[in-house]
Amino acid sequence: MTVNTTTPSTMRAVVQQSFGGPEVLNVREVPRPTPLPTEVLVRVHAAGINPVDWKTRGGTGMAGVLGDLPFILGWDVSGVVEEIGFGVTTLAVGDEVYGMPWFPRAAGGYAEYVSAPARQFARKPRSLSHQQAAAVPLAALTAWQTLVDTAHVEAGQRVLVHAAAGGVGHFAVQFAKHLGATVIGTASERNHAWLRSIGADDVIDYSTTEFESAVSDVDIVLDLIGDAHDTSQRSLKVLRPGGLLVAIPGGVSPQLATAAEKSGMRVSPFLVEPDGPALRTIADIIDAGDCVVEVQRAYPLADVAQAHADGESDRTRGKLVLDTLV
């Protein structure tokens, strides 16, 4: 095992002692993790913030998976390998990496250090800063795994992405276009020009137009909104016979499954998985200039409560991240 003897025994991390609003998130000093065999210790430079984070903070999301409080939230990280465990051959000390380790189990990404299996990381895109790279893993893997592994998108198909300007949405637009699809997105009018610039062929303003009256003959719908606006049920109306609706994050209710079956459509739930090989592919796409990463704002670790409050306002374009170096 290669050990960096200067690594401290403790670290700063965002600790949650109870469920509640953003105010339950506080920076504390906690023990630094030690990598087990096949794991790497990563000095985190930036951590991404995702909707699952604030849902878990409030007691839903992955709270049931994480077990008893206290929690250290966060799954998206970008940083530098500081130590490697026995058996690691794919990475070395000093490598710049990014990843979504352990999901949905606890990764503790809102911290200065993370330890996880080496193969759940990949070398970060060379063209991105750590802040940008930290915005990628969970959102981009959700988009990639949904489109490639679940929907098997092919060139010439029509893909509708709801909440296209959000974290997952802006990756889904670009990946679907990369795969040769015609891409339609729903978003507020202020994001239309930007979405077109990153690959959307058409954009629908959800605040003024019912999307089911504006689009039809769709092969695949990615619902990134959920049940709040009955988006999945309404999306069945725009699919071609045999088309596929992937319901994220609401999943597939019995009512939705029944409605899809009656209308001759397919529906699928989805939950993202750690995927080092896919992250390598995504890094290549980004470095080739075929995908841009939108970071609306980076916050110091101490401002994590404000970051969550801003994220929950539901007006974020792209992603929010924490800078763990300040």
C-alpha atoms as a PDB file:
ATOM      1  CA  MET A   1       0.000   0.000   0.000  1.00  0.00           C
ATOM      2  CA  THR A   2       1.185   3.507  -0.877  1.00  0.00           C
ATOM      3  CA  VAL A   3       0.626   5.880   2.018  1.00  0.00           C
ATOM      4  CA  ASN A   4       0.962   9.652   2.099  1.00  0.00           C
ATOM      5  CA  THR A   5       2.237  10.235   5.642  1.00  0.00           C
ATOM      6  CA  THR A   6       1.235  13.901   5.547  1.00  0.00           C
ATOM      7  CA  THR A   7      -2.466  13.090   5.282  1.00  0.00           C
ATOM      8  CA  PRO A   8      -4.222  14.273   8.460  1.00  0.00           C
ATOM      9  CA  SER A   9      -6.220  11.932  10.660  1.00  0.00           C
ATOM     10  CA  THR A  10      -9.287  14.207  10.604  1.00  0.00           C
ATOM     11  CA  MET A  11     -11.074  16.267   7.976  1.00  0.00           C
ATOM     12  CA  ARG A  12     -13.818  18.826   7.542  1.00  0.00           C
ATOM     13  CA  ALA A  13     -17.174  17.433   6.489  1.00  0.00           C
ATOM     14  CA  VAL A  14     -20.806  18.535   6.358  1.00  0.00           C
ATOM     15  CA  VAL A  15     -22.570  16.571   9.074  1.00  0.00           C
ATOM     16  CA  GLN A  16     -26.327  16.195   9.430  1.00  0.00           C
ATOM     17  CA  GLN A  17     -27.503  15.236  12.925  1.00  0.00           C
ATOM     18  CA  SER A  18     -31.250  15.407  12.232  1.00  0.00           C
ATOM     19  CA  PHE A  19     -33.723  15.609   9.365  1.00  0.00           C
ATOM     20  CA  GLY A  20     -34.995  19.009   8.375  1.00  0.00           C
ATOM     21  CA  GLY A  21     -34.254  22.095   6.322  1.00  0.00           C
ATOM     22  CA  PRO A  22     -30.883  23.376   5.146  1.00  0.00           C
ATOM     23  CA  GLU A  23     -30.084  24.577   8.667  1.00  0.00           C
ATOM     24  CA  VAL A  24     -29.405  20.987   9.799  1.00  0.00           C
ATOM     25  CA  LEU A  25     -26.225  20.945   7.675  1.00  0.00           C
ATOM     26  CA  ASN A  26     -23.115  21.981   9.598  1.00  0.00           C
ATOM     27  CA  VAL A  27     -19.396  21.693   8.972  1.00  0.00           C
ATOM     28  CA  ARG A  28     -17.664  19.534  11.589  1.00  0.00           C
ATOM     29  CA  GLU A  29     -14.305  17.862  12.117  1.00  0.00           C
ATOM     30  CA  VAL A  30     -14.614  14.087  11.646  1.00  0.00           C
ATOM     31  CA  PRO A  31     -12.201  11.154  11.239  1.00  0.00           C
ATOM     32  CA  ARG A  32     -10.620  10.842   7.810  1.00  0.00           C
ATOM     33  CA  PRO A  33     -11.459   7.562   6.031  1.00  0.00           C
ATOM     34  CA  THR A  34      -8.771   4.973   5.318  1.00  0.00           C
ATOM     35  CA  PRO A  35      -8.872   3.081   2.015  1.00  0.00           C
ATOM     36  CA  LEU A  36      -9.411  -0.668   2.183  1.00  0.00           C
ATOM     37  CA  PRO A  37      -7.941  -3.059  -0.408  1.00  0.00           C
ATOM     38  CA  THR A  38      -9.093  -2.100  -3.946  1.00  0.00           C
ATOM     39  CA  GLU A  39     -10.052   1.378  -2.718  1.00  0.00           C
ATOM     40  CA  VAL A  40      -8.512   4.801  -3.236  1.00  0.00           C
ATOM     41  CA  LEU A  41      -8.490   7.803  -0.917  1.00  0.00           C
ATOM     42  CA  VAL A  42      -9.405  10.925  -2.874  1.00  0.00           C
ATOM     43  CA  ARG A  43      -8.689  14.441  -1.697  1.00  0.00           C
ATOM     44  CA  VAL A  44     -11.946  16.062  -2.744  1.00  0.00           C
ATOM     45  CA  HIS A  45     -11.570  19.414  -4.489  1.00  0.00           C
ATOM     46  CA  ALA A  46     -15.258  19.862  -5.287  1.00  0.00           C
ATOM     47  CA  ALA A  47     -18.520  18.044  -4.593  1.00  0.00           C
ATOM     48  CA  GLY A  48     -21.664  18.170  -6.687  1.00  0.00           C
ATOM     49  CA  ILE A  49     -25.111  18.910  -5.263  1.00  0.00           C
ATOM     50  CA  ASN A  50     -28.127  16.965  -6.513  1.00  0.00           C
ATOM     51  CA  PRO A  51     -31.871  16.889  -5.725  1.00  0.00           C
ATOM     52  CA  VAL A  52     -31.426  13.514  -4.032  1.00  0.00           C
ATOM     53  CA  ASP A  53     -29.201  15.294  -1.509  1.00  0.00           C
ATOM     54  CA  TRP A  54     -31.840  17.682  -0.216  1.00  0.00           C
ATOM     55  CA  LYS A  55     -34.533  15.027  -0.386  1.00  0.00           C
ATOM     56  CA  THR A  56     -32.354  12.774   1.788  1.00  0.00           C
ATOM     57  CA  ARG A  57     -31.629  15.686   4.124  1.00  0.00           C
ATOM     58  CA  GLY A  58     -35.358  16.051   4.634  1.00  0.00           C
ATOM     59  CA  GLY A  59     -35.925  12.374   5.393  1.00  0.00           C
ATOM     60  CA  THR A  60     -36.910  10.982   1.974  1.00  0.00           C
ATOM     61  CA  GLY A  61     -34.573  10.337  -0.964  1.00  0.00           C
ATOM     62  CA  MET A  62     -31.969   7.789   0.159  1.00  0.00           C
ATOM     63  CA  ALA A  63     -32.513   8.350   3.882  1.00  0.00           C
ATOM     64  CA  GLY A  64     -33.859   4.822   4.280  1.00  0.00           C
ATOM     65  CA  VAL A  65     -30.759   3.380   2.609  1.00  0.00           C
ATOM     66  CA  LEU A  66     -28.257   5.359   4.674  1.00  0.00           C
ATOM     67  CA  GLY A  67     -29.501   4.051   8.017  1.00  0.00           C
ATOM     68  CA  ASP A  68     -29.170   5.929  11.271  1.00  0.00           C
ATOM     69  CA  LEU A  69     -28.120   9.564  11.593  1.00  0.00           C
ATOM     70  CA  PRO A  70     -25.699  11.327  11.544  1.00  0.00           C
ATOM     71  CA  PHE A  71     -25.157  11.505   7.771  1.00  0.00           C
ATOM     72  CA  ILE A  72     -22.523  13.025   5.546  1.00  0.00           C
ATOM     73  CA  LEU A  73     -24.388  13.687   2.307  1.00  0.00           C
ATOM     74  CA  GLY A  74     -23.055  13.845  -1.217  1.00  0.00           C
ATOM     75  CA  TRP A  75     -22.097  11.416  -3.977  1.00  0.00           C
ATOM     76  CA  ASP A  76     -20.534  13.547  -6.733  1.00  0.00           C
ATOM     77  CA  VAL A  77     -16.843  14.256  -6.236  1.00  0.00           C
ATOM     78  CA  SER A  78     -13.816  15.423  -8.177  1.00  0.00           C
ATOM     79  CA  GLY A  79     -10.332  15.441  -6.709  1.00  0.00           C
ATOM     80  CA  VAL A  80      -6.878  13.894  -6.578  1.00  0.00           C
ATOM     81  CA  VAL A  81      -5.919  10.385  -5.510  1.00  0.00           C
ATOM     82  CA  GLU A  82      -3.908  10.700  -2.310  1.00  0.00           C
ATOM     83  CA  GLU A  83      -3.585   7.072  -1.245  1.00  0.00           C
ATOM     84  CA  ILE A  84      -4.251   3.676  -2.808  1.00  0.00           C
ATOM     85  CA  GLY A  85      -5.230   0.433  -1.150  1.00  0.00           C
ATOM     86  CA  PHE A  86      -3.748  -2.963  -1.865  1.00  0.00           C
ATOM     87  CA  GLY A  87      -4.668  -4.347  -5.269  1.00  0.00           C
ATOM     88  CA  VAL A  88      -5.400  -1.056  -7.031  1.00  0.00           C
ATOM     89  CA  THR A  89      -3.863  -1.075 -10.516  1.00  0.00           C
ATOM     90  CA  THR A  90      -6.099   1.296 -12.485  1.00  0.00           C
ATOM     91  CA  LEU A  91      -5.210   4.510 -10.641  1.00  0.00           C
ATOM     92  CA  ALA A  92      -2.143   5.990  -8.992  1.00  0.00           C
ATOM     93  CA  VAL A  93      -1.375   8.628  -6.385  1.00  0.00           C
ATOM     94  CA  GLY A  94      -1.667  12.033  -8.029  1.00  0.00           C
ATOM     95  CA  ASP A  95      -4.301  11.081 -10.597  1.00  0.00           C
ATOM     96  CA  GLU A  96      -7.113  13.600 -11.050  1.00  0.00           C
ATOM     97  CA  VAL A  97     -10.369  11.672 -10.848  1.00  0.00           C
ATOM     98  CA  TYR A  98     -14.109  12.099 -10.659  1.00  0.00           C
ATOM     99  CA  GLY A  99     -16.868   9.727  -9.673  1.00  0.00           C
ATOM    100  CA  MET A 100     -20.147   8.897  -7.972  1.00  0.00           C
ATOM    101  CA  PRO A 101     -18.956   6.288  -5.459  1.00  0.00           C
ATOM    102  CA  TRP A 102     -21.151   3.932  -3.462  1.00  0.00           C
ATOM    103  CA  PHE A 103     -24.531   5.261  -4.644  1.00  0.00           C
ATOM    104  CA  PRO A 104     -27.108   4.747  -3.181  1.00  0.00           C
ATOM    105  CA  ARG A 105     -25.089   3.800  -0.077  1.00  0.00           C
ATOM    106  CA  ALA A 106     -23.310   6.594   1.790  1.00  0.00           C
ATOM    107  CA  ALA A 107     -20.295   8.085   0.047  1.00  0.00           C
ATOM    108  CA  GLY A 108     -19.790  11.149   2.237  1.00  0.00           C
ATOM    109  CA  GLY A 109     -19.023  13.435  -0.672  1.00  0.00           C
ATOM    110  CA  TYR A 110     -19.504  16.690   1.248  1.00  0.00           C
ATOM    111  CA  ALA A 111     -16.078  16.300   2.827  1.00  0.00           C
ATOM    112  CA  GLU A 112     -12.397  16.869   2.259  1.00  0.00           C
ATOM    113  CA  TYR A 113     -11.700  13.154   1.680  1.00  0.00           C
ATOM    114  CA  VAL A 114     -13.613  10.184   0.263  1.00  0.00           C
ATOM    115  CA  SER A 115     -12.565   6.541   0.160  1.00  0.00           C
ATOM    116  CA  ALA A 116     -14.190   4.174  -2.335  1.00  0.00           C
ATOM    117  CA  PRO A 117     -13.465   1.384  -4.836  1.00  0.00           C
ATOM    118  CA  ALA A 118     -11.009   2.526  -7.476  1.00  0.00           C
ATOM    119  CA  ARG A 119     -13.165   1.253 -10.321  1.00  0.00           C
ATOM    120  CA  GLN A 120     -16.026   3.539  -9.317  1.00  0.00           C
ATOM    121  CA  PHE A 121     -13.847   6.483 -10.369  1.00  0.00           C
ATOM    122  CA  ALA A 122     -12.418   7.592 -13.703  1.00  0.00           C
ATOM    123  CA  ARG A 123      -9.842  10.168 -14.672  1.00  0.00           C
ATOM    124  CA  LYS A 124     -11.656  13.461 -14.862  1.00  0.00           C
ATOM    125  CA  PRO A 125     -12.111  15.196 -18.208  1.00  0.00           C
ATOM    126  CA  ARG A 126      -8.892  17.063 -18.978  1.00  0.00           C
ATOM    127  CA  SER A 127     -10.804  20.084 -20.247  1.00  0.00           C
ATOM    128  CA  LEU A 128     -12.743  20.599 -17.004  1.00  0.00           C
ATOM    129  CA  SER A 129     -11.858  22.181 -13.692  1.00  0.00           C
ATOM    130  CA  HIS A 130     -12.584  20.165 -10.564  1.00  0.00           C
ATOM    131  CA  GLN A 131     -15.636  22.335  -9.931  1.00  0.00           C
ATOM    132  CA  GLN A 132     -16.993  21.514 -13.369  1.00  0.00           C
ATOM    133  CA  ALA A 133     -16.078  17.830 -13.096  1.00  0.00           C
ATOM    134  CA  ALA A 134     -17.863  17.509  -9.746  1.00  0.00           C
ATOM    135  CA  ALA A 135     -21.062  18.561 -11.494  1.00  0.00           C
ATOM    136  CA  VAL A 136     -20.910  15.635 -13.895  1.00  0.00           C
ATOM    137  CA  PRO A 137     -21.108  12.116 -12.399  1.00  0.00           C
ATOM    138  CA  LEU A 138     -24.592  11.562 -10.964  1.00  0.00           C
ATOM    139  CA  ALA A 139     -26.413  13.740 -13.486  1.00  0.00           C
ATOM    140  CA  ALA A 140     -24.439  12.603 -16.523  1.00  0.00           C
ATOM    141  CA  LEU A 141     -24.539   8.925 -15.545  1.00  0.00           C
ATOM    142  CA  THR A 142     -28.302   9.190 -15.069  1.00  0.00           C
ATOM    143  CA  ALA A 143     -28.664  10.640 -18.554  1.00  0.00           C
ATOM    144  CA  TRP A 144     -26.205   8.205 -20.162  1.00  0.00           C
ATOM    145  CA  GLN A 145     -27.450   5.023 -18.510  1.00  0.00           C
ATOM    146  CA  THR A 146     -31.056   5.969 -19.210  1.00  0.00           C
ATOM    147  CA  LEU A 147     -30.517   6.739 -22.873  1.00  0.00           C
ATOM    148  CA  VAL A 148     -27.948   4.054 -23.700  1.00  0.00           C
ATOM    149  CA  ASP A 149     -28.620   1.133 -21.367  1.00  0.00           C
ATOM    150  CA  THR A 150     -32.364   1.490 -20.721  1.00  0.00           C
ATOM    151  CA  ALA A 151     -33.815   3.185 -23.817  1.00  0.00           C
ATOM    152  CA  HIS A 152     -31.178   2.055 -26.355  1.00  0.00           C
ATOM    153  CA  VAL A 153     -31.530   5.314 -28.259  1.00  0.00           C
ATOM    154  CA  GLU A 154     -30.822   5.049 -31.968  1.00  0.00           C
ATOM    155  CA  ALA A 155     -30.101   7.674 -34.602  1.00  0.00           C
ATOM    156  CA  GLY A 156     -33.258   9.186 -36.014  1.00  0.00           C
ATOM    157  CA  GLN A 157     -35.424   8.599 -32.962  1.00  0.00           C
ATOM    158  CA  ARG A 158     -37.311  11.412 -31.252  1.00  0.00           C
ATOM    159  CA  VAL A 159     -36.492  12.023 -27.590  1.00  0.00           C
ATOM    160  CA  LEU A 160     -38.426  14.325 -25.248  1.00  0.00           C
ATOM    161  CA  VAL A 161     -36.572  15.523 -22.145  1.00  0.00           C
ATOM    162  CA  HIS A 162     -38.594  17.147 -19.381  1.00  0.00           C
ATOM    163  CA  ALA A 163     -36.747  19.716 -17.225  1.00  0.00           C
ATOM    164  CA  ALA A 164     -34.181  19.921 -19.992  1.00  0.00           C
ATOM    165  CA  ALA A 165     -32.235  22.815 -18.468  1.00  0.00           C
ATOM    166  CA  GLY A 166     -31.552  21.051 -15.180  1.00  0.00           C
ATOM    167  CA  GLY A 167     -28.637  18.927 -14.082  1.00  0.00           C
ATOM    168  CA  VAL A 168     -29.673  15.642 -15.681  1.00  0.00           C
ATOM    169  CA  GLY A 169     -31.647  17.363 -18.405  1.00  0.00           C
ATOM    170  CA  HIS A 170     -28.837  19.344 -19.980  1.00  0.00           C
ATOM    171  CA  PHE A 171     -26.708  16.198 -20.199  1.00  0.00           C
ATOM    172  CA  ALA A 172     -29.626  14.194 -21.629  1.00  0.00           C
ATOM    173  CA  VAL A 173     -30.158  16.773 -24.368  1.00  0.00           C
ATOM    174  CA  GLN A 174     -26.513  16.611 -25.391  1.00  0.00           C
ATOM    175  CA  PHE A 175     -26.118  12.831 -25.139  1.00  0.00           C
ATOM    176  CA  ALA A 176     -29.314  12.198 -27.110  1.00  0.00           C
ATOM    177  CA  LYS A 177     -28.043  14.550 -29.806  1.00  0.00           C
ATOM    178  CA  HIS A 178     -24.642  12.826 -29.704  1.00  0.00           C
ATOM    179  CA  LEU A 179     -26.453   9.531 -30.343  1.00  0.00           C
ATOM    180  CA  GLY A 180     -28.173  10.983 -33.406  1.00  0.00           C
ATOM    181  CA  ALA A 181     -31.647  11.615 -32.008  1.00  0.00           C
ATOM    182  CA  THR A 182     -33.967  14.540 -32.609  1.00  0.00           C
ATOM    183  CA  VAL A 183     -34.270  16.215 -29.207  1.00  0.00           C
ATOM    184  CA  ILE A 184     -37.190  18.153 -27.763  1.00  0.00           C
ATOM    185  CA  GLY A 185     -37.002  19.709 -24.318  1.00  0.00           C
ATOM    186  CA  THR A 186     -39.366  21.385 -21.891  1.00  0.00           C
ATOM    187  CA  ALA A 187     -37.994  24.400 -20.032  1.00  0.00           C
ATOM    188  CA  SER A 188     -38.779  27.986 -19.104  1.00  0.00           C
ATOM    189  CA  GLU A 189     -38.439  30.486 -21.926  1.00  0.00           C
ATOM    190  CA  ARG A 190     -35.284  32.050 -20.469  1.00  0.00           C
ATOM    191  CA  ASN A 191     -33.385  28.808 -21.155  1.00  0.00           C
ATOM    192  CA  HIS A 192     -34.589  28.175 -24.703  1.00  0.00           C
ATOM    193  CA  ALA A 193     -31.743  29.827 -26.603  1.00  0.00           C
ATOM    194  CA  TRP A 194     -29.146  28.111 -24.432  1.00  0.00           C
ATOM    195  CA  LEU A 195     -30.757  24.694 -24.861  1.00  0.00           C
ATOM    196  CA  ARG A 196     -30.815  25.141 -28.620  1.00  0.00           C
ATOM    197  CA  SER A 197     -27.132  26.075 -28.498  1.00  0.00           C
ATOM    198  CA  ILE A 198     -26.279  22.753 -26.835  1.00  0.00           C
ATOM    199  CA  GLY A 199     -28.303  20.577 -29.174  1.00  0.00           C
ATOM    200  CA  ALA A 200     -32.053  20.820 -28.590  1.00  0.00           C
ATOM    201  CA  ASP A 201     -33.977  20.832 -31.870  1.00  0.00           C
ATOM    202  CA  ASP A 202     -37.116  22.235 -30.272  1.00  0.00           C
ATOM    203  CA  VAL A 203     -37.972  23.622 -26.828  1.00  0.00           C
ATOM    204  CA  ILE A 204     -41.409  23.983 -25.247  1.00  0.00           C
ATOM    205  CA  ASP A 205     -42.175  26.571 -22.573  1.00  0.00           C
ATOM    206  CA  TYR A 206     -43.965  24.513 -19.935  1.00  0.00           C
ATOM    207  CA  SER A 207     -45.320  27.667 -18.250  1.00  0.00           C
ATOM    208  CA  THR A 208     -47.348  28.731 -21.285  1.00  0.00           C
ATOM    209  CA  THR A 209     -47.865  25.563 -23.313  1.00  0.00           C
ATOM    210  CA  GLU A 210     -49.132  22.098 -22.511  1.00  0.00           C
ATOM    211  CA  PHE A 211     -46.403  19.956 -24.004  1.00  0.00           C
ATOM    212  CA  GLU A 212     -48.837  17.228 -25.103  1.00  0.00           C
ATOM    213  CA  SER A 213     -50.463  19.759 -27.438  1.00  0.00           C
ATOM    214  CA  ALA A 214     -47.134  20.753 -28.964  1.00  0.00           C
ATOM    215  CA  VAL A 215     -45.283  17.483 -29.563  1.00  0.00           C
ATOM    216  CA  SER A 216     -46.165  13.992 -30.784  1.00  0.00           C
ATOM    217  CA  ASP A 217     -44.672  10.832 -32.303  1.00  0.00           C
ATOM    218  CA  VAL A 218     -41.980  10.606 -29.636  1.00  0.00           C
ATOM    219  CA  ASP A 219     -39.988   7.392 -29.222  1.00  0.00           C
ATOM    220  CA  ILE A 220     -38.595   8.051 -25.752  1.00  0.00           C
ATOM    221  CA  VAL A 221     -39.595  10.392 -22.933  1.00  0.00           C
ATOM    222  CA  LEU A 222     -37.342  11.115 -19.973  1.00  0.00           C
ATOM    223  CA  ASP A 223     -39.511  12.453 -17.166  1.00  0.00           C
ATOM    224  CA  LEU A 224     -37.153  14.287 -14.805  1.00  0.00           C
ATOM    225  CA  ILE A 225     -39.993  16.054 -12.972  1.00  0.00           C
ATOM    226  CA  GLY A 226     -42.064  13.335 -11.327  1.00  0.00           C
ATOM    227  CA  ASP A 227     -45.622  13.219 -10.102  1.00  0.00           C
ATOM    228  CA  ALA A 228     -46.061  16.829  -8.954  1.00  0.00           C
ATOM    229  CA  HIS A 229     -47.442  17.935 -12.327  1.00  0.00           C
ATOM    230  CA  ASP A 230     -48.723  14.561 -13.560  1.00  0.00           C
ATOM    231  CA  THR A 231     -45.948  14.712 -16.140  1.00  0.00           C
ATOM    232  CA  SER A 232     -45.553  10.963 -16.634  1.00  0.00           C
ATOM    233  CA  GLN A 233     -49.259  10.327 -17.197  1.00  0.00           C
ATOM    234  CA  ARG A 234     -49.458  13.218 -19.652  1.00  0.00           C
ATOM    235  CA  SER A 235     -46.323  12.017 -21.433  1.00  0.00           C
ATOM    236  CA  LEU A 236     -47.993   8.786 -22.470  1.00  0.00           C
ATOM    237  CA  LYS A 237     -50.084  10.875 -24.879  1.00  0.00           C
ATOM    238  CA  VAL A 238     -47.053  11.996 -26.915  1.00  0.00           C
ATOM    239  CA  LEU A 239     -45.429   8.580 -27.383  1.00  0.00           C
ATOM    240  CA  ARG A 240     -45.610   6.525 -30.541  1.00  0.00           C
ATOM    241  CA  PRO A 241     -47.134   3.050 -30.135  1.00  0.00           C
ATOM    242  CA  GLY A 242     -44.592   0.973 -28.253  1.00  0.00           C
ATOM    243  CA  GLY A 243     -42.693   4.085 -27.150  1.00  0.00           C
ATOM    244  CA  LEU A 244     -40.841   4.185 -23.851  1.00  0.00           C
ATOM    245  CA  LEU A 245     -41.341   6.484 -20.872  1.00  0.00           C
ATOM    246  CA  VAL A 246     -38.522   6.441 -18.295  1.00  0.00           C
ATOM    247  CA  ALA A 247     -39.913   7.840 -15.050  1.00  0.00           C
ATOM    248  CA  ILE A 248     -37.295   9.720 -13.036  1.00  0.00           C
ATOM    249  CA  PRO A 249     -37.551  10.467 -10.143  1.00  0.00           C
ATOM    250  CA  GLY A 250     -41.145   9.490  -9.480  1.00  0.00           C
ATOM    251  CA  GLY A 251     -40.817   5.897 -10.608  1.00  0.00           C
ATOM    252  CA  VAL A 252     -43.647   3.834 -12.043  1.00  0.00           C
ATOM    253  CA  SER A 253     -46.816   3.828  -9.961  1.00  0.00           C
ATOM    254  CA  PRO A 254     -49.392   1.056 -10.424  1.00  0.00           C
ATOM    255  CA  GLN A 255     -51.672   3.636 -12.023  1.00  0.00           C
ATOM    256  CA  LEU A 256     -48.984   4.668 -14.512  1.00  0.00           C
ATOM    257  CA  ALA A 257     -48.160   1.055 -15.355  1.00  0.00           C
ATOM    258  CA  THR A 258     -51.836   0.315 -15.991  1.00  0.00           C
ATOM    259  CA  ALA A 259     -52.298   3.405 -18.147  1.00  0.00           C
ATOM    260  CA  ALA A 260     -49.212   2.558 -20.201  1.00  0.00           C
ATOM    261  CA  GLU A 261     -50.344  -1.002 -20.776  1.00  0.00           C
ATOM    262  CA  LYS A 262     -53.779   0.127 -21.900  1.00  0.00           C
ATOM    263  CA  SER A 263     -52.301   2.606 -24.363  1.00  0.00           C
ATOM    264  CA  GLY A 264     -49.693   0.213 -25.758  1.00  0.00           C
ATOM    265  CA  MET A 265     -46.716   2.058 -24.300  1.00  0.00           C
ATOM    266  CA  ARG A 266     -43.769   0.930 -22.222  1.00  0.00           C
ATOM    267  CA  VAL A 267     -42.677   2.446 -18.912  1.00  0.00           C
ATOM    268  CA  SER A 268     -39.554   1.925 -16.849  1.00  0.00           C
ATOM    269  CA  PRO A 269     -38.290   3.162 -13.486  1.00  0.00           C
ATOM    270  CA  PHE A 270     -34.613   3.997 -13.146  1.00  0.00           C
ATOM    271  CA  LEU A 271     -31.939   4.437 -10.498  1.00  0.00           C
ATOM    272  CA  VAL A 272     -28.400   5.401 -11.421  1.00  0.00           C
ATOM    273  CA  GLU A 273     -25.436   3.155 -10.543  1.00  0.00           C
ATOM    274  CA  PRO A 274     -21.705   3.813 -10.092  1.00  0.00           C
ATOM    275  CA  ASP A 275     -20.105   3.237 -13.489  1.00  0.00           C
ATOM    276  CA  GLY A 276     -16.400   3.910 -14.026  1.00  0.00           C
ATOM    277  CA  PRO A 277     -16.380   2.761 -17.691  1.00  0.00           C
ATOM    278  CA  ALA A 278     -19.293   5.064 -18.565  1.00  0.00           C
ATOM    279  CA  LEU A 279     -17.508   7.957 -16.849  1.00  0.00           C
ATOM    280  CA  ARG A 280     -14.495   7.325 -19.090  1.00  0.00           C
ATOM    281  CA  THR A 281     -16.752   7.474 -22.145  1.00  0.00           C
ATOM    282  CA  ILE A 282     -18.410  10.651 -20.878  1.00  0.00           C
ATOM    283  CA  ALA A 283     -14.994  12.235 -20.260  1.00  0.00           C
ATOM    284  CA  ASP A 284     -14.033  11.489 -23.870  1.00  0.00           C
ATOM    285  CA  ILE A 285     -17.252  13.086 -25.143  1.00  0.00           C
ATOM    286  CA  ILE A 286     -16.655  16.188 -23.017  1.00  0.00           C
ATOM    287  CA  ASP A 287     -12.999  16.496 -24.025  1.00  0.00           C
ATOM    288  CA  ALA A 288     -13.989  16.141 -27.688  1.00  0.00           C
ATOM    289  CA  GLY A 289     -16.168  19.233 -27.287  1.00  0.00           C
ATOM    290  CA  ASP A 290     -19.444  17.374 -27.780  1.00  0.00           C
ATOM    291  CA  CYS A 291     -20.833  18.144 -24.314  1.00  0.00           C
ATOM    292  CA  VAL A 292     -20.665  21.267 -22.188  1.00  0.00           C
ATOM    293  CA  VAL A 293     -21.047  21.261 -18.401  1.00  0.00           C
ATOM    294  CA  GLU A 294     -23.121  24.040 -16.884  1.00  0.00           C
ATOM    295  CA  VAL A 295     -22.249  25.079 -13.330  1.00  0.00           C
ATOM    296  CA  GLN A 296     -24.459  27.896 -12.134  1.00  0.00           C
ATOM    297  CA  ARG A 297     -22.558  28.512  -8.910  1.00  0.00           C
ATOM    298  CA  ALA A 298     -19.852  27.096  -6.638  1.00  0.00           C
ATOM    299  CA  TYR A 299     -20.124  27.575  -2.858  1.00  0.00           C
ATOM    300  CA  PRO A 300     -17.566  27.267  -0.057  1.00  0.00           C
ATOM    301  CA  LEU A 301     -18.183  24.205   2.099  1.00  0.00           C
ATOM    302  CA  ALA A 302     -19.330  26.496   4.926  1.00  0.00           C
ATOM    303  CA  ASP A 303     -22.159  27.802   2.720  1.00  0.00           C
ATOM    304  CA  VAL A 304     -23.699  24.383   2.129  1.00  0.00           C
ATOM    305  CA  ALA A 305     -27.027  25.401   3.713  1.00  0.00           C
ATOM    306  CA  GLN A 306     -27.367  28.283   1.272  1.00  0.00           C
ATOM    307  CA  ALA A 307     -26.463  25.967  -1.601  1.00  0.00           C
ATOM    308  CA  HIS A 308     -29.270  23.586  -0.630  1.00  0.00           C
ATOM    309  CA  ALA A 309     -31.735  26.452  -0.271  1.00  0.00           C
ATOM    310  CA  ASP A 310     -30.813  27.749  -3.719  1.00  0.00           C
ATOM    311  CA  GLY A 311     -31.074  24.275  -5.222  1.00  0.00           C
ATOM    312  CA  GLU A 312     -34.522  23.719  -3.784  1.00  0.00           C
ATOM    313  CA  SER A 313     -35.744  26.944  -5.372  1.00  0.00           C
ATOM    314  CA  ASP A 314     -36.000  24.876  -8.591  1.00  0.00           C
ATOM    315  CA  ARG A 315     -34.520  27.614 -10.744  1.00  0.00           C
ATOM    316  CA  THR A 316     -31.048  26.183 -11.241  1.00  0.00           C
ATOM    317  CA  ARG A 317     -29.635  25.951 -14.746  1.00  0.00           C
ATOM    318  CA  GLY A 318     -27.243  23.045 -14.805  1.00  0.00           C
ATOM    319  CA  LYS A 319     -25.632  22.248 -11.461  1.00  0.00           C
ATOM    320  CA  LEU A 320     -24.515  23.687  -8.122  1.00  0.00           C
ATOM    321  CA  VAL A 321     -21.275  22.527  -6.491  1.00  0.00           C
ATOM    322  CA  LEU A 322     -19.315  22.859  -3.255  1.00  0.00           C
ATOM    323  CA  ASP A 323     -15.680  23.908  -3.308  1.00  0.00           C
ATOM    324  CA  THR A 324     -14.101  21.865  -0.509  1.00  0.00           C
ATOM    325  CA  LEU A 325     -10.780  23.688  -0.699  1.00  0.00           C
ATOM    326  CA  VAL A 326     -12.200  26.940   0.731  1.00  0.00           C
END
